[in-house]
Amino acid sequence: MAGEDTDQGATRGRGNGRRAPRGAAGSRFPLELKHAAATLYYIEERTQAEIAERLGASVATVSRLLSEARRDGMVRVQVLPPGEGDGDGDDLATRLAETLELDAVHLSSLPAGRSVGAALAPALSRALLAAELTPGEALLVSSGRTVYEAAQAELPSLPGIAVAPMVGGLDEPEVWFATNEITRQVAAKVGGTPRFLYAPALPGPGLHESVLHDPSTRRVVGLWDTARVAIMGVGAPPLTRTSLHRFIADDTDPVGAAVGDVCARFYDAAGQPVPFPGSERLIATSLENLQRMQTCIAIAAGTIKVPSLLAGARSGYFSRLVTDRVTARALLDAAASARRR
């Protein structure tokens, strides 16, 4: 739950001087305003300072709005004795991190009406801040819908860092496969400098070597060996998808044994690479680089991704996971089932 809920004295906000209609007996706030504050705080996990800026009020006023929302029954808080909870919050994150042997798990809720990436952005921000990036360091980013959506939301200020793609451009119509565009958006959000990769993800045999020798390509590829922090999406098992990347032949089943992929690097349930025709020419960071990286943050949600997340975590392809509570519980259940087998 974001921020502290302290009931400070109400102060005058930035209104136009007109008295707001009372929302309930003894209240000087409209019901709609209390509902908006409660939604931002309890559902979207915004801090009281962020809500104050959004509503054009003081932090003290936001605190009073939240207090009155609870008093009016608009918000219901339940505190359960030890052992009677359902594992939400810090306990769920801690248990999952221990089970998957990760450095940390960062959880966000997935409220209706918000994209997955936007809903996970607050948890992603916490993971990024924990990485303690300093000016001059590089942050690598992958393609993918969840990463793209998170880049549209608020991210922490990380001035002076370089932001670079982990994979070349994919020949796909959706904008979330445009790696340079995602790089630009993340850099703009965090206050960093984008480093673009002008190379296709899978160049033809005649183009591969010349692409790798291009100076602009070498500048980005060099960061793959030295960067210690990355954000990446995790793909669902290929057999559950309606389509795969265009460079994978449609008339074969080259990645049928895979349970997921990161940056178009497919892997099986044991975390072993699953090659496909031409994969040796793939312009993308390697699975070995992911294992070496100090802080690789996977951002993904959905029970369909449980096999890919389990295999990726056990293989050391990421050290921090940003997900939602439903996926976290499904991961715990799947890990327990695997131990019983």
C-alpha atoms as a PDB file:
ATOM      1  CA  MET A   1       0.000   0.000   0.000  1.00  0.00           C
ATOM      2  CA  ALA A   2       1.583   3.262  -1.056  1.00  0.00           C
ATOM      3  CA  GLY A   3       2.483   6.005   1.371  1.00  0.00           C
ATOM      4  CA  GLU A   4       1.504   6.643   4.987  1.00  0.00           C
ATOM      5  CA  ASP A   5      -2.085   7.221   5.948  1.00  0.00           C
ATOM      6  CA  THR A   6      -1.696   9.816   8.693  1.00  0.00           C
ATOM      7  CA  ASP A   7      -4.663  12.006   9.568  1.00  0.00           C
ATOM      8  CA  GLN A   8      -3.236  15.512   9.612  1.00  0.00           C
ATOM      9  CA  GLY A   9      -5.272  18.667  10.046  1.00  0.00           C
ATOM     10  CA  ALA A  10      -7.109  19.839   6.925  1.00  0.00           C
ATOM     11  CA  THR A  11      -5.727  22.880   5.156  1.00  0.00           C
ATOM     12  CA  ARG A  12      -7.092  25.025   2.390  1.00  0.00           C
ATOM     13  CA  GLY A  13      -6.379  23.686  -1.089  1.00  0.00           C
ATOM     14  CA  ARG A  14      -5.970  25.507  -4.394  1.00  0.00           C
ATOM     15  CA  GLY A  15      -9.686  25.946  -5.042  1.00  0.00           C
ATOM     16  CA  ASN A  16     -11.436  29.028  -6.339  1.00  0.00           C
ATOM     17  CA  GLY A  17     -12.778  30.011  -2.919  1.00  0.00           C
ATOM     18  CA  ARG A  18     -16.240  28.490  -3.370  1.00  0.00           C
ATOM     19  CA  ARG A  19     -17.381  26.049  -0.709  1.00  0.00           C
ATOM     20  CA  ALA A  20     -17.557  22.462  -1.987  1.00  0.00           C
ATOM     21  CA  PRO A  21     -20.860  20.635  -1.502  1.00  0.00           C
ATOM     22  CA  ARG A  22     -20.935  18.320   1.463  1.00  0.00           C
ATOM     23  CA  GLY A  23     -20.655  14.623   0.627  1.00  0.00           C
ATOM     24  CA  ALA A  24     -22.044  13.370   3.938  1.00  0.00           C
ATOM     25  CA  ALA A  25     -23.126  14.714   7.283  1.00  0.00           C
ATOM     26  CA  GLY A  26     -20.226  16.528   8.921  1.00  0.00           C
ATOM     27  CA  SER A  27     -18.089  16.390   5.775  1.00  0.00           C
ATOM     28  CA  ARG A  28     -17.050  19.301   3.612  1.00  0.00           C
ATOM     29  CA  PHE A  29     -15.826  17.041   0.777  1.00  0.00           C
ATOM     30  CA  PRO A  30     -17.912  15.718  -2.152  1.00  0.00           C
ATOM     31  CA  LEU A  31     -18.353  11.962  -2.336  1.00  0.00           C
ATOM     32  CA  GLU A  32     -16.784  11.952  -5.806  1.00  0.00           C
ATOM     33  CA  LEU A  33     -13.594  13.567  -4.459  1.00  0.00           C
ATOM     34  CA  LYS A  34     -13.288  11.041  -1.634  1.00  0.00           C
ATOM     35  CA  HIS A  35     -13.868   8.199  -4.074  1.00  0.00           C
ATOM     36  CA  ALA A  36     -11.191   9.553  -6.428  1.00  0.00           C
ATOM     37  CA  ALA A  37      -8.644   9.839  -3.614  1.00  0.00           C
ATOM     38  CA  ALA A  38      -9.434   6.353  -2.299  1.00  0.00           C
ATOM     39  CA  THR A  39      -9.175   4.828  -5.786  1.00  0.00           C
ATOM     40  CA  LEU A  40      -5.806   6.436  -6.436  1.00  0.00           C
ATOM     41  CA  TYR A  41      -4.449   5.399  -3.037  1.00  0.00           C
ATOM     42  CA  TYR A  42      -5.816   1.899  -2.488  1.00  0.00           C
ATOM     43  CA  ILE A  43      -6.253   0.638  -6.064  1.00  0.00           C
ATOM     44  CA  GLU A  44      -3.585   2.458  -8.083  1.00  0.00           C
ATOM     45  CA  GLU A  45      -1.164   2.562  -5.113  1.00  0.00           C
ATOM     46  CA  ARG A  46      -0.299   6.227  -5.555  1.00  0.00           C
ATOM     47  CA  THR A  47       1.390   8.141  -2.745  1.00  0.00           C
ATOM     48  CA  GLN A  48      -0.480  10.888  -0.932  1.00  0.00           C
ATOM     49  CA  ALA A  49       1.859  13.459  -2.497  1.00  0.00           C
ATOM     50  CA  GLU A  50       1.036  12.161  -5.989  1.00  0.00           C
ATOM     51  CA  ILE A  51      -2.690  12.252  -5.224  1.00  0.00           C
ATOM     52  CA  ALA A  52      -2.409  15.801  -3.880  1.00  0.00           C
ATOM     53  CA  GLU A  53      -0.795  16.928  -7.126  1.00  0.00           C
ATOM     54  CA  ARG A  54      -3.410  15.098  -9.215  1.00  0.00           C
ATOM     55  CA  LEU A  55      -6.350  16.577  -7.288  1.00  0.00           C
ATOM     56  CA  GLY A  56      -4.895  20.046  -6.779  1.00  0.00           C
ATOM     57  CA  ALA A  57      -5.036  19.743  -2.993  1.00  0.00           C
ATOM     58  CA  SER A  58      -2.624  19.586  -0.070  1.00  0.00           C
ATOM     59  CA  VAL A  59      -1.266  16.325   1.354  1.00  0.00           C
ATOM     60  CA  ALA A  60      -3.161  17.050   4.570  1.00  0.00           C
ATOM     61  CA  THR A  61      -6.403  17.332   2.595  1.00  0.00           C
ATOM     62  CA  VAL A  62      -5.711  14.025   0.874  1.00  0.00           C
ATOM     63  CA  SER A  63      -5.166  12.416   4.278  1.00  0.00           C
ATOM     64  CA  ARG A  64      -8.534  13.764   5.461  1.00  0.00           C
ATOM     65  CA  LEU A  65     -10.224  12.527   2.239  1.00  0.00           C
ATOM     66  CA  LEU A  66      -8.893   9.016   2.842  1.00  0.00           C
ATOM     67  CA  SER A  67      -9.922   9.106   6.483  1.00  0.00           C
ATOM     68  CA  GLU A  68     -13.471  10.172   5.603  1.00  0.00           C
ATOM     69  CA  ALA A  69     -13.681   7.574   2.819  1.00  0.00           C
ATOM     70  CA  ARG A  70     -12.988   4.865   5.398  1.00  0.00           C
ATOM     71  CA  ARG A  71     -15.391   6.400   7.901  1.00  0.00           C
ATOM     72  CA  ASP A  72     -18.170   6.521   5.280  1.00  0.00           C
ATOM     73  CA  GLY A  73     -17.712   2.844   4.436  1.00  0.00           C
ATOM     74  CA  MET A  74     -16.335   3.635   0.985  1.00  0.00           C
ATOM     75  CA  VAL A  75     -13.134   1.782   1.933  1.00  0.00           C
ATOM     76  CA  ARG A  76     -13.049  -1.428   3.947  1.00  0.00           C
ATOM     77  CA  VAL A  77      -9.777  -2.462   5.570  1.00  0.00           C
ATOM     78  CA  GLN A  78      -9.514  -5.978   6.954  1.00  0.00           C
ATOM     79  CA  VAL A  79      -6.719  -7.004   9.336  1.00  0.00           C
ATOM     80  CA  LEU A  80      -6.517 -10.772   9.837  1.00  0.00           C
ATOM     81  CA  PRO A  81      -4.748 -12.623  12.645  1.00  0.00           C
ATOM     82  CA  PRO A  82      -1.481 -14.383  11.755  1.00  0.00           C
ATOM     83  CA  GLY A  83      -2.104 -17.523   9.736  1.00  0.00           C
ATOM     84  CA  GLU A  84      -5.534 -16.457   8.496  1.00  0.00           C
ATOM     85  CA  GLY A  85      -4.420 -14.261   5.614  1.00  0.00           C
ATOM     86  CA  ASP A  86      -4.232 -15.300   1.999  1.00  0.00           C
ATOM     87  CA  GLY A  87      -0.545 -14.481   1.602  1.00  0.00           C
ATOM     88  CA  ASP A  88      -0.971 -11.056  -0.031  1.00  0.00           C
ATOM     89  CA  GLY A  89       1.499  -8.248   0.189  1.00  0.00           C
ATOM     90  CA  ASP A  90       4.994  -8.514   1.602  1.00  0.00           C
ATOM     91  CA  ASP A  91       4.570 -12.089   2.797  1.00  0.00           C
ATOM     92  CA  LEU A  92       3.536 -13.321  -0.654  1.00  0.00           C
ATOM     93  CA  ALA A  93       6.418 -11.483  -2.327  1.00  0.00           C
ATOM     94  CA  THR A  94       8.923 -12.797   0.210  1.00  0.00           C
ATOM     95  CA  ARG A  95       7.729 -16.396  -0.065  1.00  0.00           C
ATOM     96  CA  LEU A  96       7.861 -16.312  -3.858  1.00  0.00           C
ATOM     97  CA  ALA A  97      11.334 -14.752  -3.904  1.00  0.00           C
ATOM     98  CA  GLU A  98      12.572 -17.463  -1.551  1.00  0.00           C
ATOM     99  CA  THR A  99      10.887 -20.238  -3.534  1.00  0.00           C
ATOM    100  CA  LEU A 100      12.316 -19.079  -6.873  1.00  0.00           C
ATOM    101  CA  GLU A 101      15.647 -18.017  -5.318  1.00  0.00           C
ATOM    102  CA  LEU A 102      15.278 -14.455  -6.585  1.00  0.00           C
ATOM    103  CA  ASP A 103      16.691 -11.304  -5.033  1.00  0.00           C
ATOM    104  CA  ALA A 104      13.206  -9.834  -4.776  1.00  0.00           C
ATOM    105  CA  VAL A 105       9.634  -9.969  -6.065  1.00  0.00           C
ATOM    106  CA  HIS A 106       7.734  -6.693  -6.518  1.00  0.00           C
ATOM    107  CA  LEU A 107       3.937  -6.937  -6.618  1.00  0.00           C
ATOM    108  CA  SER A 108       1.229  -4.658  -7.982  1.00  0.00           C
ATOM    109  CA  SER A 109      -2.502  -5.166  -8.315  1.00  0.00           C
ATOM    110  CA  LEU A 110      -4.153  -5.331 -11.743  1.00  0.00           C
ATOM    111  CA  PRO A 111      -7.260  -3.142 -11.476  1.00  0.00           C
ATOM    112  CA  ALA A 112      -9.841  -3.408 -14.234  1.00  0.00           C
ATOM    113  CA  GLY A 113      -9.511  -0.866 -16.985  1.00  0.00           C
ATOM    114  CA  ARG A 114      -5.726  -0.515 -16.852  1.00  0.00           C
ATOM    115  CA  SER A 115      -3.191  -2.193 -19.093  1.00  0.00           C
ATOM    116  CA  VAL A 116      -0.943  -4.800 -17.495  1.00  0.00           C
ATOM    117  CA  GLY A 117       2.211  -2.756 -18.018  1.00  0.00           C
ATOM    118  CA  ALA A 118       0.701   0.427 -16.595  1.00  0.00           C
ATOM    119  CA  ALA A 119      -0.614  -1.448 -13.547  1.00  0.00           C
ATOM    120  CA  LEU A 120       2.801  -3.013 -12.924  1.00  0.00           C
ATOM    121  CA  ALA A 121       4.676   0.275 -13.390  1.00  0.00           C
ATOM    122  CA  PRO A 122       4.679   1.210  -9.647  1.00  0.00           C
ATOM    123  CA  ALA A 123       6.274  -2.137  -8.787  1.00  0.00           C
ATOM    124  CA  LEU A 124       8.716  -1.737 -11.673  1.00  0.00           C
ATOM    125  CA  SER A 125       9.669   1.671 -10.299  1.00  0.00           C
ATOM    126  CA  ARG A 126      10.464   0.112  -6.930  1.00  0.00           C
ATOM    127  CA  ALA A 127      12.623  -2.522  -8.612  1.00  0.00           C
ATOM    128  CA  LEU A 128      14.506   0.126 -10.601  1.00  0.00           C
ATOM    129  CA  LEU A 129      15.159   2.242  -7.527  1.00  0.00           C
ATOM    130  CA  ALA A 130      16.454  -0.827  -5.685  1.00  0.00           C
ATOM    131  CA  ALA A 131      18.984  -1.364  -8.496  1.00  0.00           C
ATOM    132  CA  GLU A 132      20.644   1.965  -7.531  1.00  0.00           C
ATOM    133  CA  LEU A 133      21.693   2.988 -11.033  1.00  0.00           C
ATOM    134  CA  THR A 134      24.177   5.862 -11.083  1.00  0.00           C
ATOM    135  CA  PRO A 135      24.925   8.430 -13.822  1.00  0.00           C
ATOM    136  CA  GLY A 136      27.010   6.928 -16.576  1.00  0.00           C
ATOM    137  CA  GLU A 137      25.588   3.416 -16.202  1.00  0.00           C
ATOM    138  CA  ALA A 138      23.414   1.678 -18.782  1.00  0.00           C
ATOM    139  CA  LEU A 139      19.875   0.339 -18.479  1.00  0.00           C
ATOM    140  CA  LEU A 140      18.933  -2.278 -21.066  1.00  0.00           C
ATOM    141  CA  VAL A 141      15.313  -2.714 -22.184  1.00  0.00           C
ATOM    142  CA  SER A 142      13.612  -5.418 -24.227  1.00  0.00           C
ATOM    143  CA  SER A 143      10.679  -5.243 -26.566  1.00  0.00           C
ATOM    144  CA  GLY A 144       7.245  -6.609 -25.671  1.00  0.00           C
ATOM    145  CA  ARG A 145       3.786  -5.351 -24.892  1.00  0.00           C
ATOM    146  CA  THR A 146       4.163  -5.214 -21.100  1.00  0.00           C
ATOM    147  CA  VAL A 147       7.457  -3.314 -21.283  1.00  0.00           C
ATOM    148  CA  TYR A 148       5.952  -0.928 -23.836  1.00  0.00           C
ATOM    149  CA  GLU A 149       2.899  -0.272 -21.640  1.00  0.00           C
ATOM    150  CA  ALA A 150       5.069   0.308 -18.566  1.00  0.00           C
ATOM    151  CA  ALA A 151       7.056   2.864 -20.547  1.00  0.00           C
ATOM    152  CA  GLN A 152       3.846   4.893 -20.967  1.00  0.00           C
ATOM    153  CA  ALA A 153       3.424   5.154 -17.185  1.00  0.00           C
ATOM    154  CA  GLU A 154       5.413   6.977 -14.521  1.00  0.00           C
ATOM    155  CA  LEU A 155       8.945   5.718 -13.915  1.00  0.00           C
ATOM    156  CA  PRO A 156      11.535   7.016 -11.429  1.00  0.00           C
ATOM    157  CA  SER A 157      13.995   9.761 -12.323  1.00  0.00           C
ATOM    158  CA  LEU A 158      17.380   8.265 -13.198  1.00  0.00           C
ATOM    159  CA  PRO A 159      19.272  11.179 -14.752  1.00  0.00           C
ATOM    160  CA  GLY A 160      22.546  10.580 -16.527  1.00  0.00           C
ATOM    161  CA  ILE A 161      22.028   6.928 -17.437  1.00  0.00           C
ATOM    162  CA  ALA A 162      22.108   5.470 -20.933  1.00  0.00           C
ATOM    163  CA  VAL A 163      19.107   3.424 -22.109  1.00  0.00           C
ATOM    164  CA  ALA A 164      19.695   0.831 -24.835  1.00  0.00           C
ATOM    165  CA  PRO A 165      17.723  -2.000 -26.468  1.00  0.00           C
ATOM    166  CA  MET A 166      18.526  -5.654 -25.763  1.00  0.00           C
ATOM    167  CA  VAL A 167      17.391  -6.870 -29.167  1.00  0.00           C
ATOM    168  CA  GLY A 168      17.272  -5.595 -32.728  1.00  0.00           C
ATOM    169  CA  GLY A 169      14.144  -4.406 -34.469  1.00  0.00           C
ATOM    170  CA  LEU A 170      11.422  -6.970 -35.092  1.00  0.00           C
ATOM    171  CA  ASP A 171       9.492  -6.996 -38.349  1.00  0.00           C
ATOM    172  CA  GLU A 172       6.103  -6.868 -36.670  1.00  0.00           C
ATOM    173  CA  PRO A 173       3.217  -4.388 -37.076  1.00  0.00           C
ATOM    174  CA  GLU A 174       2.622  -3.809 -33.346  1.00  0.00           C
ATOM    175  CA  VAL A 175       4.370  -0.816 -31.807  1.00  0.00           C
ATOM    176  CA  TRP A 176       5.539  -2.834 -28.804  1.00  0.00           C
ATOM    177  CA  PHE A 177       8.023  -4.640 -31.053  1.00  0.00           C
ATOM    178  CA  ALA A 178       9.674  -1.339 -32.035  1.00  0.00           C
ATOM    179  CA  THR A 179      12.690  -1.604 -29.743  1.00  0.00           C
ATOM    180  CA  ASN A 180      14.096   1.841 -30.513  1.00  0.00           C
ATOM    181  CA  GLU A 181      10.745   3.468 -29.752  1.00  0.00           C
ATOM    182  CA  ILE A 182      10.535   1.702 -26.389  1.00  0.00           C
ATOM    183  CA  THR A 183      14.111   2.777 -25.687  1.00  0.00           C
ATOM    184  CA  ARG A 184      13.249   6.385 -26.489  1.00  0.00           C
ATOM    185  CA  GLN A 185      10.164   6.344 -24.259  1.00  0.00           C
ATOM    186  CA  VAL A 186      11.941   4.787 -21.270  1.00  0.00           C
ATOM    187  CA  ALA A 187      14.817   7.263 -21.626  1.00  0.00           C
ATOM    188  CA  ALA A 188      12.364  10.172 -21.695  1.00  0.00           C
ATOM    189  CA  LYS A 189      10.570   8.890 -18.573  1.00  0.00           C
ATOM    190  CA  VAL A 190      13.709   8.390 -16.472  1.00  0.00           C
ATOM    191  CA  GLY A 191      15.655  11.353 -17.812  1.00  0.00           C
ATOM    192  CA  GLY A 192      18.324   9.252 -19.504  1.00  0.00           C
ATOM    193  CA  THR A 193      19.970   9.249 -22.922  1.00  0.00           C
ATOM    194  CA  PRO A 194      18.731   6.751 -25.542  1.00  0.00           C
ATOM    195  CA  ARG A 195      21.185   4.630 -27.521  1.00  0.00           C
ATOM    196  CA  PHE A 196      19.487   3.253 -30.616  1.00  0.00           C
ATOM    197  CA  LEU A 197      20.199  -0.029 -32.376  1.00  0.00           C
ATOM    198  CA  TYR A 198      19.771   0.283 -36.135  1.00  0.00           C
ATOM    199  CA  ALA A 199      19.745  -3.432 -36.883  1.00  0.00           C
ATOM    200  CA  PRO A 200      17.094  -6.071 -37.541  1.00  0.00           C
ATOM    201  CA  ALA A 201      16.686  -8.778 -34.938  1.00  0.00           C
ATOM    202  CA  LEU A 202      17.452 -11.451 -37.517  1.00  0.00           C
ATOM    203  CA  PRO A 203      19.478 -10.163 -40.488  1.00  0.00           C
ATOM    204  CA  GLY A 204      20.002 -12.376 -43.504  1.00  0.00           C
ATOM    205  CA  PRO A 205      23.208 -14.401 -43.893  1.00  0.00           C
ATOM    206  CA  GLY A 206      24.772 -11.795 -46.177  1.00  0.00           C
ATOM    207  CA  LEU A 207      23.951  -8.888 -43.869  1.00  0.00           C
ATOM    208  CA  HIS A 208      24.758 -10.376 -40.476  1.00  0.00           C
ATOM    209  CA  GLU A 209      28.492  -9.745 -40.352  1.00  0.00           C
ATOM    210  CA  SER A 210      28.278  -6.240 -41.789  1.00  0.00           C
ATOM    211  CA  VAL A 211      25.605  -5.302 -39.229  1.00  0.00           C
ATOM    212  CA  LEU A 212      27.789  -6.516 -36.364  1.00  0.00           C
ATOM    213  CA  HIS A 213      30.756  -4.511 -37.641  1.00  0.00           C
ATOM    214  CA  ASP A 214      28.792  -1.271 -37.915  1.00  0.00           C
ATOM    215  CA  PRO A 215      30.123   1.212 -35.296  1.00  0.00           C
ATOM    216  CA  SER A 216      26.665   2.182 -34.051  1.00  0.00           C
ATOM    217  CA  THR A 217      25.764  -1.491 -33.588  1.00  0.00           C
ATOM    218  CA  ARG A 218      29.004  -2.194 -31.737  1.00  0.00           C
ATOM    219  CA  ARG A 219      28.328   0.669 -29.300  1.00  0.00           C
ATOM    220  CA  VAL A 220      25.034  -0.902 -28.229  1.00  0.00           C
ATOM    221  CA  VAL A 221      26.177  -4.538 -28.348  1.00  0.00           C
ATOM    222  CA  GLY A 222      29.136  -3.550 -26.161  1.00  0.00           C
ATOM    223  CA  LEU A 223      26.702  -2.463 -23.452  1.00  0.00           C
ATOM    224  CA  TRP A 224      25.221  -5.969 -23.373  1.00  0.00           C
ATOM    225  CA  ASP A 225      28.516  -7.224 -21.932  1.00  0.00           C
ATOM    226  CA  THR A 226      28.945  -4.469 -19.338  1.00  0.00           C
ATOM    227  CA  ALA A 227      25.466  -3.351 -18.205  1.00  0.00           C
ATOM    228  CA  ARG A 228      24.379  -4.625 -14.813  1.00  0.00           C
ATOM    229  CA  VAL A 229      20.660  -3.662 -14.978  1.00  0.00           C
ATOM    230  CA  ALA A 230      17.960  -4.607 -17.494  1.00  0.00           C
ATOM    231  CA  ILE A 231      14.172  -4.614 -17.862  1.00  0.00           C
ATOM    232  CA  MET A 232      12.710  -7.379 -19.993  1.00  0.00           C
ATOM    233  CA  GLY A 233       9.428  -9.000 -20.848  1.00  0.00           C
ATOM    234  CA  VAL A 234       8.980 -12.775 -20.758  1.00  0.00           C
ATOM    235  CA  GLY A 235       7.116 -14.529 -23.540  1.00  0.00           C
ATOM    236  CA  ALA A 236       4.444 -17.161 -22.948  1.00  0.00           C
ATOM    237  CA  PRO A 237       4.930 -20.767 -24.138  1.00  0.00           C
ATOM    238  CA  PRO A 238       4.966 -20.664 -27.969  1.00  0.00           C
ATOM    239  CA  LEU A 239       2.265 -23.332 -28.316  1.00  0.00           C
ATOM    240  CA  THR A 240      -0.158 -21.075 -26.425  1.00  0.00           C
ATOM    241  CA  ARG A 241       0.330 -18.128 -28.763  1.00  0.00           C
ATOM    242  CA  THR A 242      -1.733 -17.345 -31.807  1.00  0.00           C
ATOM    243  CA  SER A 243       1.371 -16.266 -33.735  1.00  0.00           C
ATOM    244  CA  LEU A 244       5.154 -16.185 -33.447  1.00  0.00           C
ATOM    245  CA  HIS A 245       7.798 -13.814 -34.730  1.00  0.00           C
ATOM    246  CA  ARG A 246       7.748 -13.602 -38.501  1.00  0.00           C
ATOM    247  CA  PHE A 247      11.329 -14.827 -38.832  1.00  0.00           C
ATOM    248  CA  ILE A 248      10.290 -18.235 -37.462  1.00  0.00           C
ATOM    249  CA  ALA A 249       9.074 -20.406 -40.332  1.00  0.00           C
ATOM    250  CA  ASP A 250       5.332 -21.054 -40.314  1.00  0.00           C
ATOM    251  CA  ASP A 251       5.627 -24.478 -41.929  1.00  0.00           C
ATOM    252  CA  THR A 252       7.713 -26.001 -39.131  1.00  0.00           C
ATOM    253  CA  ASP A 253       7.499 -26.290 -35.375  1.00  0.00           C
ATOM    254  CA  PRO A 254      11.068 -25.291 -34.443  1.00  0.00           C
ATOM    255  CA  VAL A 255      10.284 -23.967 -30.963  1.00  0.00           C
ATOM    256  CA  GLY A 256       7.541 -26.391 -29.933  1.00  0.00           C
ATOM    257  CA  ALA A 257       9.666 -27.644 -27.026  1.00  0.00           C
ATOM    258  CA  ALA A 258      10.096 -24.133 -25.625  1.00  0.00           C
ATOM    259  CA  VAL A 259       8.184 -22.845 -22.610  1.00  0.00           C
ATOM    260  CA  GLY A 260       9.028 -19.191 -23.214  1.00  0.00           C
ATOM    261  CA  ASP A 261      11.516 -16.674 -24.487  1.00  0.00           C
ATOM    262  CA  VAL A 262      13.306 -13.467 -23.604  1.00  0.00           C
ATOM    263  CA  CYS A 263      14.430 -11.200 -26.425  1.00  0.00           C
ATOM    264  CA  ALA A 264      13.487 -13.974 -28.903  1.00  0.00           C
ATOM    265  CA  ARG A 265      15.873 -16.360 -27.130  1.00  0.00           C
ATOM    266  CA  PHE A 266      13.672 -19.420 -26.613  1.00  0.00           C
ATOM    267  CA  TYR A 267      14.274 -21.906 -23.797  1.00  0.00           C
ATOM    268  CA  ASP A 268      12.728 -25.151 -22.547  1.00  0.00           C
ATOM    269  CA  ALA A 269      11.453 -26.157 -19.101  1.00  0.00           C
ATOM    270  CA  ALA A 270      15.014 -26.828 -17.974  1.00  0.00           C
ATOM    271  CA  GLY A 271      16.114 -23.398 -19.157  1.00  0.00           C
ATOM    272  CA  GLN A 272      18.117 -24.806 -22.065  1.00  0.00           C
ATOM    273  CA  PRO A 273      18.180 -22.801 -25.317  1.00  0.00           C
ATOM    274  CA  VAL A 274      15.786 -23.938 -28.040  1.00  0.00           C
ATOM    275  CA  PRO A 275      17.269 -22.941 -31.404  1.00  0.00           C
ATOM    276  CA  PHE A 276      15.360 -22.309 -34.603  1.00  0.00           C
ATOM    277  CA  PRO A 277      16.581 -21.954 -38.193  1.00  0.00           C
ATOM    278  CA  GLY A 278      18.787 -18.856 -38.319  1.00  0.00           C
ATOM    279  CA  SER A 279      18.868 -18.290 -34.550  1.00  0.00           C
ATOM    280  CA  GLU A 280      22.677 -18.176 -34.697  1.00  0.00           C
ATOM    281  CA  ARG A 281      22.292 -14.819 -36.480  1.00  0.00           C
ATOM    282  CA  LEU A 282      19.977 -13.305 -33.866  1.00  0.00           C
ATOM    283  CA  ILE A 283      20.984  -9.784 -32.831  1.00  0.00           C
ATOM    284  CA  ALA A 284      19.975  -9.971 -29.177  1.00  0.00           C
ATOM    285  CA  THR A 285      21.664 -10.239 -25.826  1.00  0.00           C
ATOM    286  CA  SER A 286      22.505 -13.834 -24.945  1.00  0.00           C
ATOM    287  CA  LEU A 287      21.013 -15.971 -22.203  1.00  0.00           C
ATOM    288  CA  GLU A 288      24.517 -16.148 -20.702  1.00  0.00           C
ATOM    289  CA  ASN A 289      24.589 -12.348 -20.454  1.00  0.00           C
ATOM    290  CA  LEU A 290      21.286 -12.415 -18.574  1.00  0.00           C
ATOM    291  CA  GLN A 291      22.701 -14.924 -16.098  1.00  0.00           C
ATOM    292  CA  ARG A 292      25.768 -12.730 -15.572  1.00  0.00           C
ATOM    293  CA  MET A 293      23.824  -9.515 -15.101  1.00  0.00           C
ATOM    294  CA  GLN A 294      23.563  -8.255 -11.536  1.00  0.00           C
ATOM    295  CA  THR A 295      19.967  -7.001 -11.710  1.00  0.00           C
ATOM    296  CA  CYS A 296      17.804  -8.322 -14.508  1.00  0.00           C
ATOM    297  CA  ILE A 297      14.176  -7.329 -13.891  1.00  0.00           C
ATOM    298  CA  ALA A 298      11.495  -9.481 -15.505  1.00  0.00           C
ATOM    299  CA  ILE A 299       8.090  -7.792 -15.833  1.00  0.00           C
ATOM    300  CA  ALA A 300       5.248 -10.151 -16.692  1.00  0.00           C
ATOM    301  CA  ALA A 301       1.807 -11.209 -15.507  1.00  0.00           C
ATOM    302  CA  GLY A 302      -0.737 -13.862 -16.384  1.00  0.00           C
ATOM    303  CA  THR A 303      -1.031 -17.483 -15.353  1.00  0.00           C
ATOM    304  CA  ILE A 304      -0.301 -18.518 -18.936  1.00  0.00           C
ATOM    305  CA  LYS A 305       3.275 -17.359 -18.318  1.00  0.00           C
ATOM    306  CA  VAL A 306       3.843 -19.512 -15.230  1.00  0.00           C
ATOM    307  CA  PRO A 307       5.966 -22.151 -17.077  1.00  0.00           C
ATOM    308  CA  SER A 308       8.149 -19.511 -18.743  1.00  0.00           C
ATOM    309  CA  LEU A 309       8.626 -17.583 -15.490  1.00  0.00           C
ATOM    310  CA  LEU A 310       9.453 -20.717 -13.493  1.00  0.00           C
ATOM    311  CA  ALA A 311      12.062 -21.896 -15.994  1.00  0.00           C
ATOM    312  CA  GLY A 312      13.501 -18.401 -16.421  1.00  0.00           C
ATOM    313  CA  ALA A 313      13.860 -17.852 -12.680  1.00  0.00           C
ATOM    314  CA  ARG A 314      15.393 -21.265 -12.022  1.00  0.00           C
ATOM    315  CA  SER A 315      17.883 -20.733 -14.843  1.00  0.00           C
ATOM    316  CA  GLY A 316      18.976 -17.349 -13.507  1.00  0.00           C
ATOM    317  CA  TYR A 317      17.722 -15.340 -16.484  1.00  0.00           C
ATOM    318  CA  PHE A 318      16.364 -12.702 -14.096  1.00  0.00           C
ATOM    319  CA  SER A 319      16.990 -11.834 -10.459  1.00  0.00           C
ATOM    320  CA  ARG A 320      13.942  -9.663  -9.763  1.00  0.00           C
ATOM    321  CA  LEU A 321      10.354 -10.260 -10.803  1.00  0.00           C
ATOM    322  CA  VAL A 322       7.619  -7.642 -11.231  1.00  0.00           C
ATOM    323  CA  THR A 323       4.199  -9.270 -11.381  1.00  0.00           C
ATOM    324  CA  ASP A 324       0.711  -9.305  -9.849  1.00  0.00           C
ATOM    325  CA  ARG A 325      -0.644 -11.256  -6.894  1.00  0.00           C
ATOM    326  CA  VAL A 326      -2.646 -13.757  -8.965  1.00  0.00           C
ATOM    327  CA  THR A 327       0.410 -14.744 -10.991  1.00  0.00           C
ATOM    328  CA  ALA A 328       2.518 -14.864  -7.829  1.00  0.00           C
ATOM    329  CA  ARG A 329       0.134 -17.332  -6.184  1.00  0.00           C
ATOM    330  CA  ALA A 330       0.027 -19.441  -9.363  1.00  0.00           C
ATOM    331  CA  LEU A 331       3.833 -19.546  -9.398  1.00  0.00           C
ATOM    332  CA  LEU A 332       3.906 -20.734  -5.785  1.00  0.00           C
ATOM    333  CA  ASP A 333       1.331 -23.437  -6.534  1.00  0.00           C
ATOM    334  CA  ALA A 334       3.237 -24.595  -9.618  1.00  0.00           C
ATOM    335  CA  ALA A 335       6.512 -24.710  -7.707  1.00  0.00           C
ATOM    336  CA  ALA A 336       4.869 -26.751  -4.935  1.00  0.00           C
ATOM    337  CA  SER A 337       3.391 -29.174  -7.480  1.00  0.00           C
ATOM    338  CA  ALA A 338       6.786 -29.620  -9.114  1.00  0.00           C
ATOM    339  CA  ARG A 339       8.361 -30.479  -5.763  1.00  0.00           C
ATOM    340  CA  ARG A 340       5.721 -33.153  -5.117  1.00  0.00           C
ATOM    341  CA  ARG A 341       6.369 -34.880  -8.424  1.00  0.00           C
END
